[in-house]
Amino acid sequence: FFMSRDNAKNTVYLQMNILKPEDTAVYYCVVCVAYGCGEVDTW
């Protein structure tokens, strides 16, 4: 998996490759409080 951002579009992305059945889930975009994302501000 690889994450990127496009600030001009105010958008972030998650590129997911070589997907496995165990990757099945609901995926949530979040605003992290700090680097490392130990705490989430917005879901």
PDB file of all heavy atoms in Angstrom:
ATOM      1  N   PHE A   1       0.836  -1.196   0.000  1.00  0.00           N
ATOM      2  CA  PHE A   1       0.000   0.000   0.000  1.00  0.00           C
ATOM      3  C   PHE A   1       0.872   1.248   0.000  1.00  0.00           C
ATOM      4  O   PHE A   1       1.940   1.273   0.623  1.00  0.00           O
ATOM      5  CB  PHE A   1      -0.896   0.041   1.235  1.00  0.00           C
ATOM      6  CG  PHE A   1      -1.995  -0.981   1.262  1.00  0.00           C
ATOM      7  CD1 PHE A   1      -2.028  -2.047   0.370  1.00  0.00           C
ATOM      8  CD2 PHE A   1      -3.012  -0.863   2.198  1.00  0.00           C
ATOM      9  CE1 PHE A   1      -3.048  -2.988   0.417  1.00  0.00           C
ATOM     10  CE2 PHE A   1      -4.035  -1.793   2.250  1.00  0.00           C
ATOM     11  CZ  PHE A   1      -4.056  -2.852   1.366  1.00  0.00           C
ATOM     12  N   PHE A   2       0.386   2.301  -0.666  1.00  0.00           N
ATOM     13  CA  PHE A   2       1.133   3.552  -0.741  1.00  0.00           C
ATOM     14  C   PHE A   2       0.177   4.730  -0.630  1.00  0.00           C
ATOM     15  O   PHE A   2      -0.823   4.792  -1.338  1.00  0.00           O
ATOM     16  CB  PHE A   2       1.927   3.630  -2.048  1.00  0.00           C
ATOM     17  CG  PHE A   2       2.899   2.509  -2.213  1.00  0.00           C
ATOM     18  CD1 PHE A   2       2.548   1.346  -2.879  1.00  0.00           C
ATOM     19  CD2 PHE A   2       4.178   2.595  -1.683  1.00  0.00           C
ATOM     20  CE1 PHE A   2       3.437   0.295  -3.018  1.00  0.00           C
ATOM     21  CE2 PHE A   2       5.082   1.553  -1.813  1.00  0.00           C
ATOM     22  CZ  PHE A   2       4.702   0.399  -2.483  1.00  0.00           C
ATOM     23  N   MET A   3       0.518   5.661   0.261  1.00  0.00           N
ATOM     24  CA  MET A   3      -0.305   6.835   0.476  1.00  0.00           C
ATOM     25  C   MET A   3       0.331   8.052  -0.183  1.00  0.00           C
ATOM     26  O   MET A   3       1.553   8.191  -0.208  1.00  0.00           O
ATOM     27  CB  MET A   3      -0.493   7.098   1.972  1.00  0.00           C
ATOM     28  CG  MET A   3      -1.480   8.199   2.275  1.00  0.00           C
ATOM     29  SD  MET A   3      -1.785   8.367   4.059  1.00  0.00           S
ATOM     30  CE  MET A   3      -2.977   9.712   4.043  1.00  0.00           C
ATOM     31  N   SER A   4      -0.509   8.937  -0.723  1.00  0.00           N
ATOM     32  CA  SER A   4      -0.030  10.168  -1.331  1.00  0.00           C
ATOM     33  C   SER A   4      -1.059  11.265  -1.108  1.00  0.00           C
ATOM     34  O   SER A   4      -2.168  11.004  -0.635  1.00  0.00           O
ATOM     35  CB  SER A   4       0.246   9.972  -2.827  1.00  0.00           C
ATOM     36  OG  SER A   4      -0.939   9.613  -3.512  1.00  0.00           O
ATOM     37  N   ARG A   5      -0.676  12.487  -1.439  1.00  0.00           N
ATOM     38  CA  ARG A   5      -1.601  13.604  -1.311  1.00  0.00           C
ATOM     39  C   ARG A   5      -1.448  14.546  -2.487  1.00  0.00           C
ATOM     40  O   ARG A   5      -0.373  14.661  -3.086  1.00  0.00           O
ATOM     41  CB  ARG A   5      -1.385  14.343   0.013  1.00  0.00           C
ATOM     42  CG  ARG A   5      -0.094  15.147   0.099  1.00  0.00           C
ATOM     43  CD  ARG A   5       0.214  15.570   1.529  1.00  0.00           C
ATOM     44  NE  ARG A   5      -0.911  16.249   2.160  1.00  0.00           N
ATOM     45  CZ  ARG A   5      -1.081  16.362   3.476  1.00  0.00           C
ATOM     46  NH1 ARG A   5      -0.200  15.821   4.316  1.00  0.00           N
ATOM     47  NH2 ARG A   5      -2.135  16.996   3.964  1.00  0.00           N
ATOM     48  N   ASP A   6      -2.523  15.237  -2.820  1.00  0.00           N
ATOM     49  CA  ASP A   6      -2.532  16.283  -3.829  1.00  0.00           C
ATOM     50  C   ASP A   6      -3.161  17.497  -3.169  1.00  0.00           C
ATOM     51  O   ASP A   6      -4.386  17.613  -3.099  1.00  0.00           O
ATOM     52  CB  ASP A   6      -3.313  15.851  -5.068  1.00  0.00           C
ATOM     53  CG  ASP A   6      -3.201  16.842  -6.211  1.00  0.00           C
ATOM     54  OD1 ASP A   6      -2.919  18.027  -5.961  1.00  0.00           O
ATOM     55  OD2 ASP A   6      -3.400  16.431  -7.371  1.00  0.00           O
ATOM     56  N   ASN A   7      -2.319  18.394  -2.675  1.00  0.00           N
ATOM     57  CA  ASN A   7      -2.827  19.542  -1.928  1.00  0.00           C
ATOM     58  C   ASN A   7      -3.664  20.473  -2.802  1.00  0.00           C
ATOM     59  O   ASN A   7      -4.592  21.115  -2.308  1.00  0.00           O
ATOM     60  CB  ASN A   7      -1.671  20.311  -1.294  1.00  0.00           C
ATOM     61  CG  ASN A   7      -1.016  19.559  -0.162  1.00  0.00           C
ATOM     62  OD1 ASN A   7      -1.657  18.720   0.488  1.00  0.00           O
ATOM     63  ND2 ASN A   7       0.252  19.834   0.089  1.00  0.00           N
ATOM     64  N   ALA A   8      -3.342  20.564  -4.098  1.00  0.00           N
ATOM     65  CA  ALA A   8      -4.121  21.404  -4.998  1.00  0.00           C
ATOM     66  C   ALA A   8      -5.557  20.919  -5.109  1.00  0.00           C
ATOM     67  O   ALA A   8      -6.470  21.716  -5.324  1.00  0.00           O
ATOM     68  CB  ALA A   8      -3.467  21.460  -6.373  1.00  0.00           C
ATOM     69  N   LYS A   9      -5.762  19.613  -4.991  1.00  0.00           N
ATOM     70  CA  LYS A   9      -7.095  19.024  -5.042  1.00  0.00           C
ATOM     71  C   LYS A   9      -7.677  18.781  -3.659  1.00  0.00           C
ATOM     72  O   LYS A   9      -8.807  18.301  -3.548  1.00  0.00           O
ATOM     73  CB  LYS A   9      -7.071  17.712  -5.819  1.00  0.00           C
ATOM     74  CG  LYS A   9      -6.693  17.869  -7.283  1.00  0.00           C
ATOM     75  CD  LYS A   9      -6.720  16.524  -7.998  1.00  0.00           C
ATOM     76  CE  LYS A   9      -6.378  16.692  -9.466  1.00  0.00           C
ATOM     77  NZ  LYS A   9      -6.381  15.397 -10.178  1.00  0.00           N
ATOM     78  N   ASN A  10      -6.896  19.083  -2.613  1.00  0.00           N
ATOM     79  CA  ASN A  10      -7.330  18.864  -1.238  1.00  0.00           C
ATOM     80  C   ASN A  10      -7.769  17.411  -1.030  1.00  0.00           C
ATOM     81  O   ASN A  10      -8.797  17.129  -0.407  1.00  0.00           O
ATOM     82  CB  ASN A  10      -8.462  19.822  -0.857  1.00  0.00           C
ATOM     83  CG  ASN A  10      -8.344  20.339   0.571  1.00  0.00           C
ATOM     84  OD1 ASN A  10      -7.248  20.520   1.089  1.00  0.00           O
ATOM     85  ND2 ASN A  10      -9.488  20.580   1.208  1.00  0.00           N
ATOM     86  N   THR A  11      -6.956  16.503  -1.548  1.00  0.00           N
ATOM     87  CA  THR A  11      -7.297  15.089  -1.588  1.00  0.00           C
ATOM     88  C   THR A  11      -6.092  14.241  -1.215  1.00  0.00           C
ATOM     89  O   THR A  11      -4.955  14.574  -1.566  1.00  0.00           O
ATOM     90  CB  THR A  11      -7.790  14.701  -2.995  1.00  0.00           C
ATOM     91  OG1 THR A  11      -8.955  15.475  -3.320  1.00  0.00           O
ATOM     92  CG2 THR A  11      -8.146  13.223  -3.071  1.00  0.00           C
ATOM     93  N   VAL A  12      -6.335  13.152  -0.498  1.00  0.00           N
ATOM     94  CA  VAL A  12      -5.313  12.148  -0.249  1.00  0.00           C
ATOM     95  C   VAL A  12      -5.769  10.832  -0.856  1.00  0.00           C
ATOM     96  O   VAL A  12      -6.969  10.603  -1.063  1.00  0.00           O
ATOM     97  CB  VAL A  12      -4.990  11.970   1.248  1.00  0.00           C
ATOM     98  CG1 VAL A  12      -4.435  13.262   1.833  1.00  0.00           C
ATOM     99  CG2 VAL A  12      -6.219  11.509   2.023  1.00  0.00           C
ATOM    100  N   TYR A  13      -4.808   9.944  -1.109  1.00  0.00           N
ATOM    101  CA  TYR A  13      -5.072   8.702  -1.804  1.00  0.00           C
ATOM    102  C   TYR A  13      -4.427   7.535  -1.069  1.00  0.00           C
ATOM    103  O   TYR A  13      -3.450   7.695  -0.338  1.00  0.00           O
ATOM    104  CB  TYR A  13      -4.520   8.741  -3.225  1.00  0.00           C
ATOM    105  CG  TYR A  13      -5.012   9.903  -4.041  1.00  0.00           C
ATOM    106  CD1 TYR A  13      -4.277  11.087  -4.111  1.00  0.00           C
ATOM    107  CD2 TYR A  13      -6.208   9.826  -4.741  1.00  0.00           C
ATOM    108  CE1 TYR A  13      -4.725  12.163  -4.863  1.00  0.00           C
ATOM    109  CE2 TYR A  13      -6.667  10.899  -5.490  1.00  0.00           C
ATOM    110  CZ  TYR A  13      -5.929  12.058  -5.548  1.00  0.00           C
ATOM    111  OH  TYR A  13      -6.377  13.126  -6.287  1.00  0.00           O
ATOM    112  N   LEU A  14      -4.975   6.361  -1.301  1.00  0.00           N
ATOM    113  CA  LEU A  14      -4.365   5.125  -0.845  1.00  0.00           C
ATOM    114  C   LEU A  14      -4.360   4.147  -2.005  1.00  0.00           C
ATOM    115  O   LEU A  14      -5.413   3.655  -2.412  1.00  0.00           O
ATOM    116  CB  LEU A  14      -5.124   4.528   0.345  1.00  0.00           C
ATOM    117  CG  LEU A  14      -4.512   3.262   0.940  1.00  0.00           C
ATOM    118  CD1 LEU A  14      -3.166   3.573   1.597  1.00  0.00           C
ATOM    119  CD2 LEU A  14      -5.460   2.610   1.936  1.00  0.00           C
ATOM    120  N   GLN A  15      -3.175   3.898  -2.555  1.00  0.00           N
ATOM    121  CA  GLN A  15      -3.016   2.917  -3.612  1.00  0.00           C
ATOM    122  C   GLN A  15      -2.770   1.560  -2.967  1.00  0.00           C
ATOM    123  O   GLN A  15      -1.803   1.389  -2.225  1.00  0.00           O
ATOM    124  CB  GLN A  15      -1.847   3.292  -4.520  1.00  0.00           C
ATOM    125  CG  GLN A  15      -1.577   2.294  -5.635  1.00  0.00           C
ATOM    126  CD  GLN A  15      -2.691   2.225  -6.644  1.00  0.00           C
ATOM    127  OE1 GLN A  15      -3.176   3.251  -7.105  1.00  0.00           O
ATOM    128  NE2 GLN A  15      -3.123   1.027  -6.992  1.00  0.00           N
ATOM    129  N   MET A  16      -3.635   0.603  -3.244  1.00  0.00           N
ATOM    130  CA  MET A  16      -3.563  -0.723  -2.651  1.00  0.00           C
ATOM    131  C   MET A  16      -3.244  -1.734  -3.744  1.00  0.00           C
ATOM    132  O   MET A  16      -3.995  -1.869  -4.711  1.00  0.00           O
ATOM    133  CB  MET A  16      -4.875  -1.078  -1.955  1.00  0.00           C
ATOM    134  CG  MET A  16      -5.305  -0.058  -0.913  1.00  0.00           C
ATOM    135  SD  MET A  16      -6.797  -0.555  -0.011  1.00  0.00           S
ATOM    136  CE  MET A  16      -7.993  -0.495  -1.350  1.00  0.00           C
ATOM    137  N   ASN A  17      -2.139  -2.448  -3.578  1.00  0.00           N
ATOM    138  CA  ASN A  17      -1.679  -3.428  -4.556  1.00  0.00           C
ATOM    139  C   ASN A  17      -1.570  -4.805  -3.915  1.00  0.00           C
ATOM    140  O   ASN A  17      -1.454  -4.938  -2.700  1.00  0.00           O
ATOM    141  CB  ASN A  17      -0.324  -3.020  -5.126  1.00  0.00           C
ATOM    142  CG  ASN A  17      -0.335  -1.662  -5.784  1.00  0.00           C
ATOM    143  OD1 ASN A  17      -1.239  -1.345  -6.553  1.00  0.00           O
ATOM    144  ND2 ASN A  17       0.689  -0.860  -5.500  1.00  0.00           N
ATOM    145  N   ILE A  18      -1.560  -5.821  -4.761  1.00  0.00           N
ATOM    146  CA  ILE A  18      -1.440  -7.213  -4.328  1.00  0.00           C
ATOM    147  C   ILE A  18      -2.415  -7.474  -3.185  1.00  0.00           C
ATOM    148  O   ILE A  18      -2.043  -7.969  -2.119  1.00  0.00           O
ATOM    149  CB  ILE A  18       0.009  -7.560  -3.926  1.00  0.00           C
ATOM    150  CG1 ILE A  18       1.027  -6.923  -4.882  1.00  0.00           C
ATOM    151  CG2 ILE A  18       0.215  -9.081  -3.911  1.00  0.00           C
ATOM    152  CD1 ILE A  18       2.466  -7.132  -4.495  1.00  0.00           C
ATOM    153  N   LEU A  19      -3.655  -7.152  -3.416  1.00  0.00           N
ATOM    154  CA  LEU A  19      -4.662  -7.258  -2.378  1.00  0.00           C
ATOM    155  C   LEU A  19      -4.901  -8.710  -1.980  1.00  0.00           C
ATOM    156  O   LEU A  19      -4.850  -9.615  -2.812  1.00  0.00           O
ATOM    157  CB  LEU A  19      -5.966  -6.621  -2.837  1.00  0.00           C
ATOM    158  CG  LEU A  19      -5.958  -5.085  -2.788  1.00  0.00           C
ATOM    159  CD1 LEU A  19      -7.064  -4.516  -3.663  1.00  0.00           C
ATOM    160  CD2 LEU A  19      -6.100  -4.610  -1.348  1.00  0.00           C
ATOM    161  N   LYS A  20      -5.161  -8.899  -0.697  1.00  0.00           N
ATOM    162  CA  LYS A  20      -5.413 -10.203  -0.114  1.00  0.00           C
ATOM    163  C   LYS A  20      -6.794 -10.217   0.525  1.00  0.00           C
ATOM    164  O   LYS A  20      -7.305  -9.165   0.909  1.00  0.00           O
ATOM    165  CB  LYS A  20      -4.359 -10.522   0.950  1.00  0.00           C
ATOM    166  CG  LYS A  20      -2.922 -10.418   0.479  1.00  0.00           C
ATOM    167  CD  LYS A  20      -1.961 -10.605   1.644  1.00  0.00           C
ATOM    168  CE  LYS A  20      -0.521 -10.485   1.195  1.00  0.00           C
ATOM    169  NZ  LYS A  20       0.418 -10.658   2.331  1.00  0.00           N
ATOM    170  N   PRO A  21      -7.401 -11.399   0.673  1.00  0.00           N
ATOM    171  CA  PRO A  21      -8.703 -11.449   1.345  1.00  0.00           C
ATOM    172  C   PRO A  21      -8.682 -10.812   2.729  1.00  0.00           C
ATOM    173  O   PRO A  21      -9.692 -10.225   3.139  1.00  0.00           O
ATOM    174  CB  PRO A  21      -8.992 -12.953   1.426  1.00  0.00           C
ATOM    175  CG  PRO A  21      -8.295 -13.514   0.236  1.00  0.00           C
ATOM    176  CD  PRO A  21      -7.027 -12.705   0.116  1.00  0.00           C
ATOM    177  N   GLU A  22      -7.582 -10.904   3.447  1.00  0.00           N
ATOM    178  CA  GLU A  22      -7.491 -10.308   4.772  1.00  0.00           C
ATOM    179  C   GLU A  22      -7.456  -8.786   4.751  1.00  0.00           C
ATOM    180  O   GLU A  22      -7.518  -8.148   5.809  1.00  0.00           O
ATOM    181  CB  GLU A  22      -6.282 -10.846   5.546  1.00  0.00           C
ATOM    182  CG  GLU A  22      -4.979 -10.792   4.771  1.00  0.00           C
ATOM    183  CD  GLU A  22      -4.632 -12.114   4.119  1.00  0.00           C
ATOM    184  OE1 GLU A  22      -5.533 -12.734   3.513  1.00  0.00           O
ATOM    185  OE2 GLU A  22      -3.461 -12.532   4.206  1.00  0.00           O
ATOM    186  N   ASP A  23      -7.352  -8.185   3.565  1.00  0.00           N
ATOM    187  CA  ASP A  23      -7.467  -6.739   3.442  1.00  0.00           C
ATOM    188  C   ASP A  23      -8.917  -6.272   3.433  1.00  0.00           C
ATOM    189  O   ASP A  23      -9.169  -5.064   3.455  1.00  0.00           O
ATOM    190  CB  ASP A  23      -6.779  -6.252   2.169  1.00  0.00           C
ATOM    191  CG  ASP A  23      -5.279  -6.454   2.192  1.00  0.00           C
ATOM    192  OD1 ASP A  23      -4.654  -6.217   3.247  1.00  0.00           O
ATOM    193  OD2 ASP A  23      -4.724  -6.845   1.139  1.00  0.00           O
ATOM    194  N   THR A  24      -9.854  -7.204   3.384  1.00  0.00           N
ATOM    195  CA  THR A  24     -11.270  -6.856   3.394  1.00  0.00           C
ATOM    196  C   THR A  24     -11.616  -6.102   4.673  1.00  0.00           C
ATOM    197  O   THR A  24     -11.380  -6.591   5.773  1.00  0.00           O
ATOM    198  CB  THR A  24     -12.136  -8.114   3.267  1.00  0.00           C
ATOM    199  OG1 THR A  24     -11.909  -8.722   1.996  1.00  0.00           O
ATOM    200  CG2 THR A  24     -13.611  -7.770   3.397  1.00  0.00           C
ATOM    201  N   ALA A  25     -12.160  -4.910   4.520  1.00  0.00           N
ATOM    202  CA  ALA A  25     -12.471  -4.062   5.668  1.00  0.00           C
ATOM    203  C   ALA A  25     -13.168  -2.804   5.182  1.00  0.00           C
ATOM    204  O   ALA A  25     -13.216  -2.524   3.982  1.00  0.00           O
ATOM    205  CB  ALA A  25     -11.198  -3.685   6.426  1.00  0.00           C
ATOM    206  N   VAL A  26     -13.687  -2.049   6.134  1.00  0.00           N
ATOM    207  CA  VAL A  26     -14.105  -0.685   5.860  1.00  0.00           C
ATOM    208  C   VAL A  26     -12.893   0.208   6.073  1.00  0.00           C
ATOM    209  O   VAL A  26     -12.256   0.158   7.130  1.00  0.00           O
ATOM    210  CB  VAL A  26     -15.266  -0.244   6.761  1.00  0.00           C
ATOM    211  CG1 VAL A  26     -15.627   1.214   6.498  1.00  0.00           C
ATOM    212  CG2 VAL A  26     -16.485  -1.134   6.532  1.00  0.00           C
ATOM    213  N   TYR A  27     -12.580   1.018   5.093  1.00  0.00           N
ATOM    214  CA  TYR A  27     -11.416   1.890   5.141  1.00  0.00           C
ATOM    215  C   TYR A  27     -11.854   3.317   5.427  1.00  0.00           C
ATOM    216  O   TYR A  27     -12.752   3.845   4.774  1.00  0.00           O
ATOM    217  CB  TYR A  27     -10.642   1.829   3.826  1.00  0.00           C
ATOM    218  CG  TYR A  27      -9.821   0.572   3.699  1.00  0.00           C
ATOM    219  CD1 TYR A  27     -10.434  -0.657   3.469  1.00  0.00           C
ATOM    220  CD2 TYR A  27      -8.433   0.604   3.834  1.00  0.00           C
ATOM    221  CE1 TYR A  27      -9.691  -1.819   3.377  1.00  0.00           C
ATOM    222  CE2 TYR A  27      -7.681  -0.555   3.737  1.00  0.00           C
ATOM    223  CZ  TYR A  27      -8.319  -1.764   3.510  1.00  0.00           C
ATOM    224  OH  TYR A  27      -7.570  -2.915   3.416  1.00  0.00           O
ATOM    225  N   TYR A  28     -11.195   3.936   6.409  1.00  0.00           N
ATOM    226  CA  TYR A  28     -11.539   5.277   6.857  1.00  0.00           C
ATOM    227  C   TYR A  28     -10.389   6.245   6.617  1.00  0.00           C
ATOM    228  O   TYR A  28      -9.250   5.959   6.985  1.00  0.00           O
ATOM    229  CB  TYR A  28     -11.862   5.284   8.348  1.00  0.00           C
ATOM    230  CG  TYR A  28     -13.060   4.454   8.731  1.00  0.00           C
ATOM    231  CD1 TYR A  28     -12.913   3.127   9.114  1.00  0.00           C
ATOM    232  CD2 TYR A  28     -14.333   5.000   8.714  1.00  0.00           C
ATOM    233  CE1 TYR A  28     -14.005   2.360   9.467  1.00  0.00           C
ATOM    234  CE2 TYR A  28     -15.432   4.243   9.069  1.00  0.00           C
ATOM    235  CZ  TYR A  28     -15.261   2.919   9.445  1.00  0.00           C
ATOM    236  OH  TYR A  28     -16.347   2.172   9.799  1.00  0.00           O
ATOM    237  N   CYS A  29     -10.687   7.373   6.040  1.00  0.00           N
ATOM    238  CA  CYS A  29      -9.754   8.483   5.942  1.00  0.00           C
ATOM    239  C   CYS A  29      -9.844   9.306   7.225  1.00  0.00           C
ATOM    240  O   CYS A  29     -10.940   9.510   7.759  1.00  0.00           O
ATOM    241  CB  CYS A  29     -10.118   9.333   4.722  1.00  0.00           C
ATOM    242  SG  CYS A  29      -9.089  10.787   4.465  1.00  0.00           S
ATOM    243  N   VAL A  30      -8.690   9.772   7.725  1.00  0.00           N
ATOM    244  CA  VAL A  30      -8.680  10.498   8.994  1.00  0.00           C
ATOM    245  C   VAL A  30      -7.735  11.687   8.948  1.00  0.00           C
ATOM    246  O   VAL A  30      -6.779  11.718   8.164  1.00  0.00           O
ATOM    247  CB  VAL A  30      -8.270   9.584  10.169  1.00  0.00           C
ATOM    248  CG1 VAL A  30      -9.197   8.386  10.276  1.00  0.00           C
ATOM    249  CG2 VAL A  30      -6.820   9.139  10.044  1.00  0.00           C
ATOM    250  N   VAL A  31      -8.000  12.659   9.805  1.00  0.00           N
ATOM    251  CA  VAL A  31      -7.042  13.705  10.147  1.00  0.00           C
ATOM    252  C   VAL A  31      -6.335  13.258  11.413  1.00  0.00           C
ATOM    253  O   VAL A  31      -6.984  12.977  12.427  1.00  0.00           O
ATOM    254  CB  VAL A  31      -7.731  15.059  10.366  1.00  0.00           C
ATOM    255  CG1 VAL A  31      -6.717  16.103  10.834  1.00  0.00           C
ATOM    256  CG2 VAL A  31      -8.425  15.529   9.097  1.00  0.00           C
ATOM    257  N   CYS A  32      -5.013  13.178  11.366  1.00  0.00           N
ATOM    258  CA  CYS A  32      -4.216  12.782  12.511  1.00  0.00           C
ATOM    259  C   CYS A  32      -3.844  14.005  13.340  1.00  0.00           C
ATOM    260  O   CYS A  32      -3.569  15.075  12.799  1.00  0.00           O
ATOM    261  CB  CYS A  32      -2.944  12.070  12.068  1.00  0.00           C
ATOM    262  SG  CYS A  32      -3.200  10.706  10.908  1.00  0.00           S
ATOM    263  N   VAL A  33      -3.807  13.835  14.653  1.00  0.00           N
ATOM    264  CA  VAL A  33      -3.444  14.934  15.538  1.00  0.00           C
ATOM    265  C   VAL A  33      -1.972  15.293  15.385  1.00  0.00           C
ATOM    266  O   VAL A  33      -1.598  16.468  15.462  1.00  0.00           O
ATOM    267  CB  VAL A  33      -3.781  14.582  16.998  1.00  0.00           C
ATOM    268  CG1 VAL A  33      -3.227  15.619  17.961  1.00  0.00           C
ATOM    269  CG2 VAL A  33      -5.293  14.447  17.164  1.00  0.00           C
ATOM    270  N   ALA A  34      -1.109  14.305  15.161  1.00  0.00           N
ATOM    271  CA  ALA A  34       0.324  14.527  15.032  1.00  0.00           C
ATOM    272  C   ALA A  34       0.926  13.478  14.115  1.00  0.00           C
ATOM    273  O   ALA A  34       0.276  12.491  13.761  1.00  0.00           O
ATOM    274  CB  ALA A  34       1.007  14.487  16.399  1.00  0.00           C
ATOM    275  N   TYR A  35       2.177  13.686  13.736  1.00  0.00           N
ATOM    276  CA  TYR A  35       2.905  12.691  12.958  1.00  0.00           C
ATOM    277  C   TYR A  35       2.929  11.368  13.719  1.00  0.00           C
ATOM    278  O   TYR A  35       3.179  11.340  14.917  1.00  0.00           O
ATOM    279  CB  TYR A  35       4.326  13.171  12.700  1.00  0.00           C
ATOM    280  CG  TYR A  35       5.156  12.235  11.852  1.00  0.00           C
ATOM    281  CD1 TYR A  35       5.106  12.307  10.465  1.00  0.00           C
ATOM    282  CD2 TYR A  35       5.990  11.283  12.439  1.00  0.00           C
ATOM    283  CE1 TYR A  35       5.859  11.454   9.684  1.00  0.00           C
ATOM    284  CE2 TYR A  35       6.739  10.429  11.661  1.00  0.00           C
ATOM    285  CZ  TYR A  35       6.678  10.513  10.282  1.00  0.00           C
ATOM    286  OH  TYR A  35       7.435   9.659   9.508  1.00  0.00           O
ATOM    287  N   GLY A  36       2.665  10.287  12.995  1.00  0.00           N
ATOM    288  CA  GLY A  36       2.549   8.979  13.602  1.00  0.00           C
ATOM    289  C   GLY A  36       1.118   8.526  13.765  1.00  0.00           C
ATOM    290  O   GLY A  36       0.859   7.330  13.904  1.00  0.00           O
ATOM    291  N   CYS A  37       0.189   9.465  13.769  1.00  0.00           N
ATOM    292  CA  CYS A  37      -1.251   9.213  13.819  1.00  0.00           C
ATOM    293  C   CYS A  37      -1.637   8.343  15.015  1.00  0.00           C
ATOM    294  O   CYS A  37      -2.483   7.453  14.902  1.00  0.00           O
ATOM    295  CB  CYS A  37      -1.742   8.580  12.511  1.00  0.00           C
ATOM    296  SG  CYS A  37      -3.443   9.047  12.091  1.00  0.00           S
ATOM    297  N   GLY A  38      -1.026   8.619  16.144  1.00  0.00           N
ATOM    298  CA  GLY A  38      -1.420   7.927  17.354  1.00  0.00           C
ATOM    299  C   GLY A  38      -2.774   8.361  17.889  1.00  0.00           C
ATOM    300  O   GLY A  38      -3.382   7.649  18.686  1.00  0.00           O
ATOM    301  N   GLU A  39      -3.221   9.520  17.468  1.00  0.00           N
ATOM    302  CA  GLU A  39      -4.527  10.036  17.859  1.00  0.00           C
ATOM    303  C   GLU A  39      -5.188  10.650  16.634  1.00  0.00           C
ATOM    304  O   GLU A  39      -4.534  11.315  15.843  1.00  0.00           O
ATOM    305  CB  GLU A  39      -4.385  11.079  18.968  1.00  0.00           C
ATOM    306  CG  GLU A  39      -5.704  11.604  19.506  1.00  0.00           C
ATOM    307  CD  GLU A  39      -5.526  12.596  20.640  1.00  0.00           C
ATOM    308  OE1 GLU A  39      -4.396  12.711  21.154  1.00  0.00           O
ATOM    309  OE2 GLU A  39      -6.501  13.259  21.018  1.00  0.00           O
ATOM    310  N   VAL A  40      -6.488  10.424  16.488  1.00  0.00           N
ATOM    311  CA  VAL A  40      -7.238  10.880  15.330  1.00  0.00           C
ATOM    312  C   VAL A  40      -8.169  12.013  15.722  1.00  0.00           C
ATOM    313  O   VAL A  40      -8.865  11.936  16.740  1.00  0.00           O
ATOM    314  CB  VAL A  40      -8.038   9.727  14.710  1.00  0.00           C
ATOM    315  CG1 VAL A  40      -8.953  10.237  13.599  1.00  0.00           C
ATOM    316  CG2 VAL A  40      -7.096   8.667  14.174  1.00  0.00           C
ATOM    317  N   ASP A  41      -8.188  13.049  14.888  1.00  0.00           N
ATOM    318  CA  ASP A  41      -9.039  14.206  15.139  1.00  0.00           C
ATOM    319  C   ASP A  41     -10.388  14.083  14.448  1.00  0.00           C
ATOM    320  O   ASP A  41     -11.420  14.408  15.030  1.00  0.00           O
ATOM    321  CB  ASP A  41      -8.321  15.473  14.684  1.00  0.00           C
ATOM    322  CG  ASP A  41      -9.169  16.713  14.849  1.00  0.00           C
ATOM    323  OD1 ASP A  41      -9.267  17.205  15.987  1.00  0.00           O
ATOM    324  OD2 ASP A  41      -9.729  17.194  13.833  1.00  0.00           O
ATOM    325  N   THR A  42     -10.392  13.644  13.190  1.00  0.00           N
ATOM    326  CA  THR A  42     -11.599  13.605  12.366  1.00  0.00           C
ATOM    327  C   THR A  42     -11.631  12.322  11.545  1.00  0.00           C
ATOM    328  O   THR A  42     -10.596  11.901  11.023  1.00  0.00           O
ATOM    329  CB  THR A  42     -11.660  14.820  11.423  1.00  0.00           C
ATOM    330  OG1 THR A  42     -11.590  16.028  12.190  1.00  0.00           O
ATOM    331  CG2 THR A  42     -12.951  14.816  10.611  1.00  0.00           C
ATOM    332  N   TRP A  43     -12.811  11.727  11.431  1.00  0.00           N
ATOM    333  CA  TRP A  43     -13.018  10.511  10.645  1.00  0.00           C
ATOM    334  C   TRP A  43     -13.919  10.774   9.454  1.00  0.00           C
ATOM    335  O   TRP A  43     -14.871  11.548   9.539  1.00  0.00           O
ATOM    336  CB  TRP A  43     -13.674   9.415  11.486  1.00  0.00           C
ATOM    337  CG  TRP A  43     -12.855   8.918  12.632  1.00  0.00           C
ATOM    338  CD1 TRP A  43     -12.712   9.505  13.858  1.00  0.00           C
ATOM    339  CD2 TRP A  43     -12.088   7.713  12.668  1.00  0.00           C
ATOM    340  NE1 TRP A  43     -11.891   8.734  14.654  1.00  0.00           N
ATOM    341  CE2 TRP A  43     -11.504   7.632  13.949  1.00  0.00           C
ATOM    342  CE3 TRP A  43     -11.841   6.695  11.748  1.00  0.00           C
ATOM    343  CZ2 TRP A  43     -10.683   6.567  14.328  1.00  0.00           C
ATOM    344  CZ3 TRP A  43     -11.030   5.641  12.122  1.00  0.00           C
ATOM    345  CH2 TRP A  43     -10.460   5.580  13.398  1.00  0.00           C
TER     346      TRP A  43
END
